[in-house]
Amino acid sequence: MRQAPDGDLEVALDAPDIASGLDALRFMLATDDDHAPFLRMARRDPRMAVVSVRRAGYRPARRGSVAQAVITAACGQLVTGREAARMERAIVRMLGDPGTDGLCAPPSSAALGGLAPARAVSSGLAARRAAAMTRLARGIDLERLHAVDTGRMTARVVREPWLGPWSAGIIGTYGLGRHDAPVVGDLGLMRIVAAETGRWPDPEETLGLVQHYGEWSGLASAYLLMHPLARVKQGARGDRAA
């Protein structure tokens, strides 16, 4: 796919059911989501305007299944983005044979639940997070979370040891397509708070950056992760604590 100069998206799609494939692609790219109300709020917020004016068309690209978003959430804790992506790709390949193009279909909830945690650990994922990831998939049909509001989804995720509010935000944003699921405690958000207050915050304090956006709080957190302060390290001591 590519974006034409006038903004239209042009797609070459190969699928057994073209209509369903197109629907899945539209969901993953959030092309049908009108986030103009969020942008109007963002323009009045000096902190957010730094990003929203320059990246007004941005929407977080979603995973192909909720199960894959759970893998993203498990792999993304306390590692670099590059290492998290490497582990996620490795686990997705464990759950489905690559086609001739080298790509794998998004894993299902049943496939993730059937994965032995020890196999996931072989990708480099910590044993406790591997166990939490597969335990969540065994406990519920992850796709059914689409029918559950964000508050209940978050409560269910945080009941699992080693999957906290940050994981719930990742699953809500990248798996369920929710705009009201902030990634609480993300290192980038903590860096913003630290730069503005001069001290290293508790993870829960990052909610204060986006709470006033209400139904757009999750999208607001995704935008703030592109803020210049989100990339500025506050010192080795603070980063290790995070």
C-alpha atoms as a PDB file:
ATOM      1  CA  MET A   1       0.000   0.000   0.000  1.00  0.00           C
ATOM      2  CA  ARG A   2       1.020   3.625  -0.402  1.00  0.00           C
ATOM      3  CA  GLN A   3      -0.435   7.052   0.230  1.00  0.00           C
ATOM      4  CA  ALA A   4      -1.075   9.210  -2.833  1.00  0.00           C
ATOM      5  CA  PRO A   5      -0.226  12.946  -2.834  1.00  0.00           C
ATOM      6  CA  ASP A   6      -3.906  13.803  -2.276  1.00  0.00           C
ATOM      7  CA  GLY A   7      -3.973  11.643   0.867  1.00  0.00           C
ATOM      8  CA  ASP A   8      -5.838   8.646  -0.541  1.00  0.00           C
ATOM      9  CA  LEU A   9      -4.504   5.212   0.381  1.00  0.00           C
ATOM     10  CA  GLU A  10      -3.877   2.857  -2.524  1.00  0.00           C
ATOM     11  CA  VAL A  11      -3.821  -0.837  -1.639  1.00  0.00           C
ATOM     12  CA  ALA A  12      -2.840  -4.041  -3.417  1.00  0.00           C
ATOM     13  CA  LEU A  13      -4.613  -6.760  -1.436  1.00  0.00           C
ATOM     14  CA  ASP A  14      -4.424 -10.544  -1.781  1.00  0.00           C
ATOM     15  CA  ALA A  15      -6.910 -12.419   0.399  1.00  0.00           C
ATOM     16  CA  PRO A  16      -9.384 -15.324   0.111  1.00  0.00           C
ATOM     17  CA  ASP A  17     -12.135 -12.858   1.062  1.00  0.00           C
ATOM     18  CA  ILE A  18     -11.224  -9.405  -0.246  1.00  0.00           C
ATOM     19  CA  ALA A  19     -13.988  -7.610   1.666  1.00  0.00           C
ATOM     20  CA  SER A  20     -12.939  -9.125   5.011  1.00  0.00           C
ATOM     21  CA  GLY A  21      -9.296  -8.470   4.248  1.00  0.00           C
ATOM     22  CA  LEU A  22     -10.042  -4.836   3.497  1.00  0.00           C
ATOM     23  CA  ASP A  23     -12.049  -4.507   6.718  1.00  0.00           C
ATOM     24  CA  ALA A  24      -9.117  -5.921   8.690  1.00  0.00           C
ATOM     25  CA  LEU A  25      -6.709  -3.516   6.997  1.00  0.00           C
ATOM     26  CA  ARG A  26      -8.960  -0.533   7.683  1.00  0.00           C
ATOM     27  CA  PHE A  27      -9.076  -1.512  11.358  1.00  0.00           C
ATOM     28  CA  MET A  28      -5.312  -1.955  11.622  1.00  0.00           C
ATOM     29  CA  LEU A  29      -4.678   1.470  10.067  1.00  0.00           C
ATOM     30  CA  ALA A  30      -7.578   3.187  11.915  1.00  0.00           C
ATOM     31  CA  THR A  31      -8.542   4.860   8.644  1.00  0.00           C
ATOM     32  CA  ASP A  32     -12.198   5.187   9.671  1.00  0.00           C
ATOM     33  CA  ASP A  33     -11.474   6.874  12.998  1.00  0.00           C
ATOM     34  CA  ASP A  34     -12.271  10.592  13.058  1.00  0.00           C
ATOM     35  CA  HIS A  35      -9.977  12.029  15.721  1.00  0.00           C
ATOM     36  CA  ALA A  36     -10.718  15.688  14.931  1.00  0.00           C
ATOM     37  CA  PRO A  37     -12.225  16.238  18.439  1.00  0.00           C
ATOM     38  CA  PHE A  38      -8.924  15.119  19.970  1.00  0.00           C
ATOM     39  CA  LEU A  39      -6.924  17.440  17.701  1.00  0.00           C
ATOM     40  CA  ARG A  40      -9.091  20.406  18.707  1.00  0.00           C
ATOM     41  CA  MET A  41      -8.350  19.667  22.364  1.00  0.00           C
ATOM     42  CA  ALA A  42      -4.669  19.143  21.628  1.00  0.00           C
ATOM     43  CA  ARG A  43      -4.245  22.527  19.953  1.00  0.00           C
ATOM     44  CA  ARG A  44      -5.290  24.204  23.206  1.00  0.00           C
ATOM     45  CA  ASP A  45      -2.758  22.194  25.219  1.00  0.00           C
ATOM     46  CA  PRO A  46       0.752  23.730  25.030  1.00  0.00           C
ATOM     47  CA  ARG A  47       2.374  20.404  25.875  1.00  0.00           C
ATOM     48  CA  MET A  48       0.429  18.445  23.270  1.00  0.00           C
ATOM     49  CA  ALA A  49       0.492  21.098  20.537  1.00  0.00           C
ATOM     50  CA  VAL A  50       4.220  20.498  20.073  1.00  0.00           C
ATOM     51  CA  VAL A  51       3.349  17.090  18.597  1.00  0.00           C
ATOM     52  CA  SER A  52      -0.248  17.330  17.383  1.00  0.00           C
ATOM     53  CA  VAL A  53       0.335  20.148  14.898  1.00  0.00           C
ATOM     54  CA  ARG A  54       3.258  18.353  13.265  1.00  0.00           C
ATOM     55  CA  ARG A  55       1.734  14.830  13.336  1.00  0.00           C
ATOM     56  CA  ALA A  56      -1.978  15.616  13.025  1.00  0.00           C
ATOM     57  CA  GLY A  57      -2.708  12.566  10.865  1.00  0.00           C
ATOM     58  CA  TYR A  58      -1.068  10.060  13.178  1.00  0.00           C
ATOM     59  CA  ARG A  59      -2.986   7.064  14.492  1.00  0.00           C
ATOM     60  CA  PRO A  60      -1.316   4.105  16.247  1.00  0.00           C
ATOM     61  CA  ALA A  61      -1.081   1.147  13.850  1.00  0.00           C
ATOM     62  CA  ARG A  62      -2.864  -1.842  15.391  1.00  0.00           C
ATOM     63  CA  ARG A  63      -1.951  -5.510  15.548  1.00  0.00           C
ATOM     64  CA  GLY A  64      -3.792  -8.102  13.503  1.00  0.00           C
ATOM     65  CA  SER A  65      -5.250  -9.824  16.569  1.00  0.00           C
ATOM     66  CA  VAL A  66      -5.695  -9.173  20.276  1.00  0.00           C
ATOM     67  CA  ALA A  67      -3.402 -12.139  20.951  1.00  0.00           C
ATOM     68  CA  GLN A  68      -0.586 -10.427  19.091  1.00  0.00           C
ATOM     69  CA  ALA A  69      -1.141  -7.264  21.147  1.00  0.00           C
ATOM     70  CA  VAL A  70      -0.791  -9.389  24.294  1.00  0.00           C
ATOM     71  CA  ILE A  71       2.560 -10.599  22.935  1.00  0.00           C
ATOM     72  CA  THR A  72       3.517  -6.961  22.310  1.00  0.00           C
ATOM     73  CA  ALA A  73       2.607  -6.088  25.891  1.00  0.00           C
ATOM     74  CA  ALA A  74       4.612  -8.961  27.343  1.00  0.00           C
ATOM     75  CA  CYS A  75       7.699  -8.325  25.208  1.00  0.00           C
ATOM     76  CA  GLY A  76       7.800  -4.554  25.578  1.00  0.00           C
ATOM     77  CA  GLN A  77       8.583  -4.310  29.286  1.00  0.00           C
ATOM     78  CA  LEU A  78      12.020  -3.146  30.455  1.00  0.00           C
ATOM     79  CA  VAL A  79      13.770  -3.691  27.113  1.00  0.00           C
ATOM     80  CA  THR A  80      14.635  -1.539  24.117  1.00  0.00           C
ATOM     81  CA  GLY A  81      12.100  -1.150  21.337  1.00  0.00           C
ATOM     82  CA  ARG A  82      14.339  -3.056  18.952  1.00  0.00           C
ATOM     83  CA  GLU A  83      14.695  -6.008  21.330  1.00  0.00           C
ATOM     84  CA  ALA A  84      10.943  -6.025  22.040  1.00  0.00           C
ATOM     85  CA  ALA A  85      10.181  -6.166  18.301  1.00  0.00           C
ATOM     86  CA  ARG A  86      12.673  -8.993  17.808  1.00  0.00           C
ATOM     87  CA  MET A  87      11.077 -11.092  20.571  1.00  0.00           C
ATOM     88  CA  GLU A  88       7.575 -10.386  19.287  1.00  0.00           C
ATOM     89  CA  ARG A  89       8.503 -11.518  15.764  1.00  0.00           C
ATOM     90  CA  ALA A  90      10.100 -14.685  17.131  1.00  0.00           C
ATOM     91  CA  ILE A  91       7.009 -15.635  19.162  1.00  0.00           C
ATOM     92  CA  VAL A  92       4.632 -14.895  16.281  1.00  0.00           C
ATOM     93  CA  ARG A  93       6.702 -17.236  14.099  1.00  0.00           C
ATOM     94  CA  MET A  94       6.435 -19.952  16.766  1.00  0.00           C
ATOM     95  CA  LEU A  95       2.653 -19.748  16.463  1.00  0.00           C
ATOM     96  CA  GLY A  96       2.361 -19.948  12.677  1.00  0.00           C
ATOM     97  CA  ASP A  97       4.448 -21.127   9.756  1.00  0.00           C
ATOM     98  CA  PRO A  98       5.660 -18.285   7.521  1.00  0.00           C
ATOM     99  CA  GLY A  99       4.252 -18.305   4.006  1.00  0.00           C
ATOM    100  CA  THR A 100       6.274 -18.068   0.821  1.00  0.00           C
ATOM    101  CA  ASP A 101       6.524 -14.316   1.392  1.00  0.00           C
ATOM    102  CA  GLY A 102       7.988 -14.868   4.866  1.00  0.00           C
ATOM    103  CA  LEU A 103       4.958 -13.407   6.630  1.00  0.00           C
ATOM    104  CA  CYS A 104       2.836 -15.039   9.342  1.00  0.00           C
ATOM    105  CA  ALA A 105      -0.865 -14.680  10.013  1.00  0.00           C
ATOM    106  CA  PRO A 106      -1.699 -12.939  13.308  1.00  0.00           C
ATOM    107  CA  PRO A 107      -1.852 -15.539  16.112  1.00  0.00           C
ATOM    108  CA  SER A 108      -5.179 -16.545  17.589  1.00  0.00           C
ATOM    109  CA  SER A 109      -6.055 -16.619  21.268  1.00  0.00           C
ATOM    110  CA  ALA A 110      -6.119 -20.443  21.189  1.00  0.00           C
ATOM    111  CA  ALA A 111      -2.679 -20.608  19.574  1.00  0.00           C
ATOM    112  CA  LEU A 112      -1.157 -18.303  22.165  1.00  0.00           C
ATOM    113  CA  GLY A 113      -2.830 -20.203  24.993  1.00  0.00           C
ATOM    114  CA  GLY A 114      -1.379 -23.443  23.660  1.00  0.00           C
ATOM    115  CA  LEU A 115       2.172 -22.106  23.618  1.00  0.00           C
ATOM    116  CA  ALA A 116       4.454 -23.554  26.288  1.00  0.00           C
ATOM    117  CA  PRO A 117       5.973 -20.659  28.266  1.00  0.00           C
ATOM    118  CA  ALA A 118       9.398 -22.312  27.975  1.00  0.00           C
ATOM    119  CA  ARG A 119       9.250 -21.929  24.191  1.00  0.00           C
ATOM    120  CA  ALA A 120       8.475 -18.237  24.550  1.00  0.00           C
ATOM    121  CA  VAL A 121      11.419 -17.905  26.933  1.00  0.00           C
ATOM    122  CA  SER A 122      13.692 -19.171  24.160  1.00  0.00           C
ATOM    123  CA  SER A 123      12.987 -15.882  22.343  1.00  0.00           C
ATOM    124  CA  GLY A 124      14.561 -13.983  25.219  1.00  0.00           C
ATOM    125  CA  LEU A 125      11.318 -13.153  27.036  1.00  0.00           C
ATOM    126  CA  ALA A 126      11.494 -13.315  30.837  1.00  0.00           C
ATOM    127  CA  ALA A 127       9.923 -16.487  32.248  1.00  0.00           C
ATOM    128  CA  ARG A 128       7.397 -14.680  34.452  1.00  0.00           C
ATOM    129  CA  ARG A 129       6.131 -12.548  31.582  1.00  0.00           C
ATOM    130  CA  ALA A 130       5.959 -15.568  29.281  1.00  0.00           C
ATOM    131  CA  ALA A 131       3.827 -17.373  31.861  1.00  0.00           C
ATOM    132  CA  ALA A 132       1.574 -14.316  32.338  1.00  0.00           C
ATOM    133  CA  MET A 133       1.090 -13.956  28.580  1.00  0.00           C
ATOM    134  CA  THR A 134       0.028 -17.551  28.004  1.00  0.00           C
ATOM    135  CA  ARG A 135      -2.037 -17.666  31.218  1.00  0.00           C
ATOM    136  CA  LEU A 136      -4.116 -14.687  30.084  1.00  0.00           C
ATOM    137  CA  ALA A 137      -4.780 -16.345  26.717  1.00  0.00           C
ATOM    138  CA  ARG A 138      -5.819 -19.579  28.422  1.00  0.00           C
ATOM    139  CA  GLY A 139      -8.142 -17.798  30.827  1.00  0.00           C
ATOM    140  CA  ILE A 140     -10.297 -15.965  28.257  1.00  0.00           C
ATOM    141  CA  ASP A 141     -10.969 -15.767  24.538  1.00  0.00           C
ATOM    142  CA  LEU A 142      -8.983 -12.604  23.906  1.00  0.00           C
ATOM    143  CA  GLU A 143     -11.093 -11.527  20.924  1.00  0.00           C
ATOM    144  CA  ARG A 144     -14.102 -11.282  23.236  1.00  0.00           C
ATOM    145  CA  LEU A 145     -12.441  -8.292  24.879  1.00  0.00           C
ATOM    146  CA  HIS A 146     -13.742  -6.266  21.927  1.00  0.00           C
ATOM    147  CA  ALA A 147     -17.168  -6.467  23.590  1.00  0.00           C
ATOM    148  CA  VAL A 148     -15.874  -5.363  27.014  1.00  0.00           C
ATOM    149  CA  ASP A 149     -15.467  -1.721  28.015  1.00  0.00           C
ATOM    150  CA  THR A 150     -11.981  -0.416  28.671  1.00  0.00           C
ATOM    151  CA  GLY A 151     -12.371  -0.288  32.446  1.00  0.00           C
ATOM    152  CA  ARG A 152     -13.333  -3.956  32.687  1.00  0.00           C
ATOM    153  CA  MET A 153     -10.654  -4.952  30.196  1.00  0.00           C
ATOM    154  CA  THR A 154      -8.010  -3.151  32.247  1.00  0.00           C
ATOM    155  CA  ALA A 155      -9.221  -4.765  35.478  1.00  0.00           C
ATOM    156  CA  ARG A 156      -8.994  -8.215  33.880  1.00  0.00           C
ATOM    157  CA  VAL A 157      -5.482  -7.671  32.544  1.00  0.00           C
ATOM    158  CA  VAL A 158      -4.021  -6.264  35.754  1.00  0.00           C
ATOM    159  CA  ARG A 159      -5.272  -9.290  37.702  1.00  0.00           C
ATOM    160  CA  GLU A 160      -2.495 -11.232  36.014  1.00  0.00           C
ATOM    161  CA  PRO A 161       0.839 -10.929  37.851  1.00  0.00           C
ATOM    162  CA  TRP A 162       3.456  -9.142  35.720  1.00  0.00           C
ATOM    163  CA  LEU A 163       0.816  -7.527  33.484  1.00  0.00           C
ATOM    164  CA  GLY A 164      -0.044  -4.086  34.848  1.00  0.00           C
ATOM    165  CA  PRO A 165      -1.730  -0.884  33.600  1.00  0.00           C
ATOM    166  CA  TRP A 166       0.957  -0.375  30.943  1.00  0.00           C
ATOM    167  CA  SER A 167       0.159  -3.795  29.467  1.00  0.00           C
ATOM    168  CA  ALA A 168      -3.563  -3.023  29.540  1.00  0.00           C
ATOM    169  CA  GLY A 169      -2.913   0.210  27.657  1.00  0.00           C
ATOM    170  CA  ILE A 170      -0.918  -1.618  24.983  1.00  0.00           C
ATOM    171  CA  ILE A 171      -3.607  -4.279  24.583  1.00  0.00           C
ATOM    172  CA  GLY A 172      -6.373  -1.658  24.491  1.00  0.00           C
ATOM    173  CA  THR A 173      -4.614   0.622  22.007  1.00  0.00           C
ATOM    174  CA  TYR A 174      -2.937  -1.862  19.678  1.00  0.00           C
ATOM    175  CA  GLY A 175      -5.225  -4.883  20.015  1.00  0.00           C
ATOM    176  CA  LEU A 176      -8.693  -3.453  20.556  1.00  0.00           C
ATOM    177  CA  GLY A 177      -8.321  -0.101  18.814  1.00  0.00           C
ATOM    178  CA  ARG A 178      -9.393   1.878  21.861  1.00  0.00           C
ATOM    179  CA  HIS A 179      -8.606   5.583  22.155  1.00  0.00           C
ATOM    180  CA  ASP A 180      -9.339   5.645  25.893  1.00  0.00           C
ATOM    181  CA  ALA A 181      -6.633   3.174  26.998  1.00  0.00           C
ATOM    182  CA  PRO A 182      -3.528   5.164  28.055  1.00  0.00           C
ATOM    183  CA  VAL A 183      -0.177   3.419  28.416  1.00  0.00           C
ATOM    184  CA  VAL A 184       0.248   4.349  32.071  1.00  0.00           C
ATOM    185  CA  GLY A 185       3.834   4.265  33.309  1.00  0.00           C
ATOM    186  CA  ASP A 186       5.512   4.262  29.904  1.00  0.00           C
ATOM    187  CA  LEU A 187       9.137   5.328  30.186  1.00  0.00           C
ATOM    188  CA  GLY A 188       8.619   8.123  27.656  1.00  0.00           C
ATOM    189  CA  LEU A 189       5.770   9.611  29.685  1.00  0.00           C
ATOM    190  CA  MET A 190       7.808   9.333  32.861  1.00  0.00           C
ATOM    191  CA  ARG A 191      10.601  11.265  31.185  1.00  0.00           C
ATOM    192  CA  ILE A 192       8.161  14.072  30.380  1.00  0.00           C
ATOM    193  CA  VAL A 193       7.002  14.279  33.990  1.00  0.00           C
ATOM    194  CA  ALA A 194      10.609  14.182  35.203  1.00  0.00           C
ATOM    195  CA  ALA A 195      11.639  16.989  32.850  1.00  0.00           C
ATOM    196  CA  GLU A 196       8.741  19.162  33.992  1.00  0.00           C
ATOM    197  CA  THR A 197       8.996  18.484  37.729  1.00  0.00           C
ATOM    198  CA  GLY A 198      12.715  17.885  38.214  1.00  0.00           C
ATOM    199  CA  ARG A 199      12.176  14.542  39.931  1.00  0.00           C
ATOM    200  CA  TRP A 200      11.616  10.956  38.828  1.00  0.00           C
ATOM    201  CA  PRO A 201       7.873  10.155  39.122  1.00  0.00           C
ATOM    202  CA  ASP A 202       5.925   7.104  40.148  1.00  0.00           C
ATOM    203  CA  PRO A 203       4.434   5.330  37.097  1.00  0.00           C
ATOM    204  CA  GLU A 204       0.885   6.224  38.163  1.00  0.00           C
ATOM    205  CA  GLU A 205       1.686   9.936  37.939  1.00  0.00           C
ATOM    206  CA  THR A 206       1.892   9.716  34.149  1.00  0.00           C
ATOM    207  CA  LEU A 207      -1.897   9.365  34.034  1.00  0.00           C
ATOM    208  CA  GLY A 208      -2.079  13.039  34.970  1.00  0.00           C
ATOM    209  CA  LEU A 209      -0.595  13.957  31.581  1.00  0.00           C
ATOM    210  CA  VAL A 210      -3.589  12.582  29.657  1.00  0.00           C
ATOM    211  CA  GLN A 211      -6.427  12.087  32.138  1.00  0.00           C
ATOM    212  CA  HIS A 212      -8.218  15.285  31.099  1.00  0.00           C
ATOM    213  CA  TYR A 213      -8.541  13.965  27.538  1.00  0.00           C
ATOM    214  CA  GLY A 214     -11.171  11.486  28.709  1.00  0.00           C
ATOM    215  CA  GLU A 215     -12.259   9.254  25.827  1.00  0.00           C
ATOM    216  CA  TRP A 216      -9.086  10.302  23.959  1.00  0.00           C
ATOM    217  CA  SER A 217      -6.645   9.651  26.822  1.00  0.00           C
ATOM    218  CA  GLY A 218      -5.096   6.630  25.107  1.00  0.00           C
ATOM    219  CA  LEU A 219      -4.541   8.472  21.839  1.00  0.00           C
ATOM    220  CA  ALA A 220      -3.126  11.390  23.838  1.00  0.00           C
ATOM    221  CA  SER A 221      -0.551   9.093  25.444  1.00  0.00           C
ATOM    222  CA  ALA A 222       0.439   7.751  22.000  1.00  0.00           C
ATOM    223  CA  TYR A 223       0.968  11.308  20.763  1.00  0.00           C
ATOM    224  CA  LEU A 224       2.979  12.303  23.834  1.00  0.00           C
ATOM    225  CA  LEU A 225       5.366   9.416  23.231  1.00  0.00           C
ATOM    226  CA  MET A 226       6.487  11.400  20.158  1.00  0.00           C
ATOM    227  CA  HIS A 227       7.148  14.499  22.301  1.00  0.00           C
ATOM    228  CA  PRO A 228      10.805  15.636  22.326  1.00  0.00           C
ATOM    229  CA  LEU A 229      10.956  15.295  26.133  1.00  0.00           C
ATOM    230  CA  ALA A 230       9.862  11.646  25.888  1.00  0.00           C
ATOM    231  CA  ARG A 231      13.202  10.868  24.250  1.00  0.00           C
ATOM    232  CA  VAL A 232      15.425  12.781  26.680  1.00  0.00           C
ATOM    233  CA  LYS A 233      17.079  10.536  29.252  1.00  0.00           C
ATOM    234  CA  GLN A 234      16.958  11.852  32.792  1.00  0.00           C
ATOM    235  CA  GLY A 235      20.033   9.997  33.986  1.00  0.00           C
ATOM    236  CA  ALA A 236      20.995   6.392  34.527  1.00  0.00           C
ATOM    237  CA  ARG A 237      19.513   6.232  38.008  1.00  0.00           C
ATOM    238  CA  GLY A 238      16.023   7.247  36.903  1.00  0.00           C
ATOM    239  CA  ASP A 239      16.002   4.992  33.856  1.00  0.00           C
ATOM    240  CA  ARG A 240      17.067   1.975  35.888  1.00  0.00           C
ATOM    241  CA  ALA A 241      14.291   2.653  38.383  1.00  0.00           C
ATOM    242  CA  ALA A 242      11.758   2.659  35.547  1.00  0.00           C
END
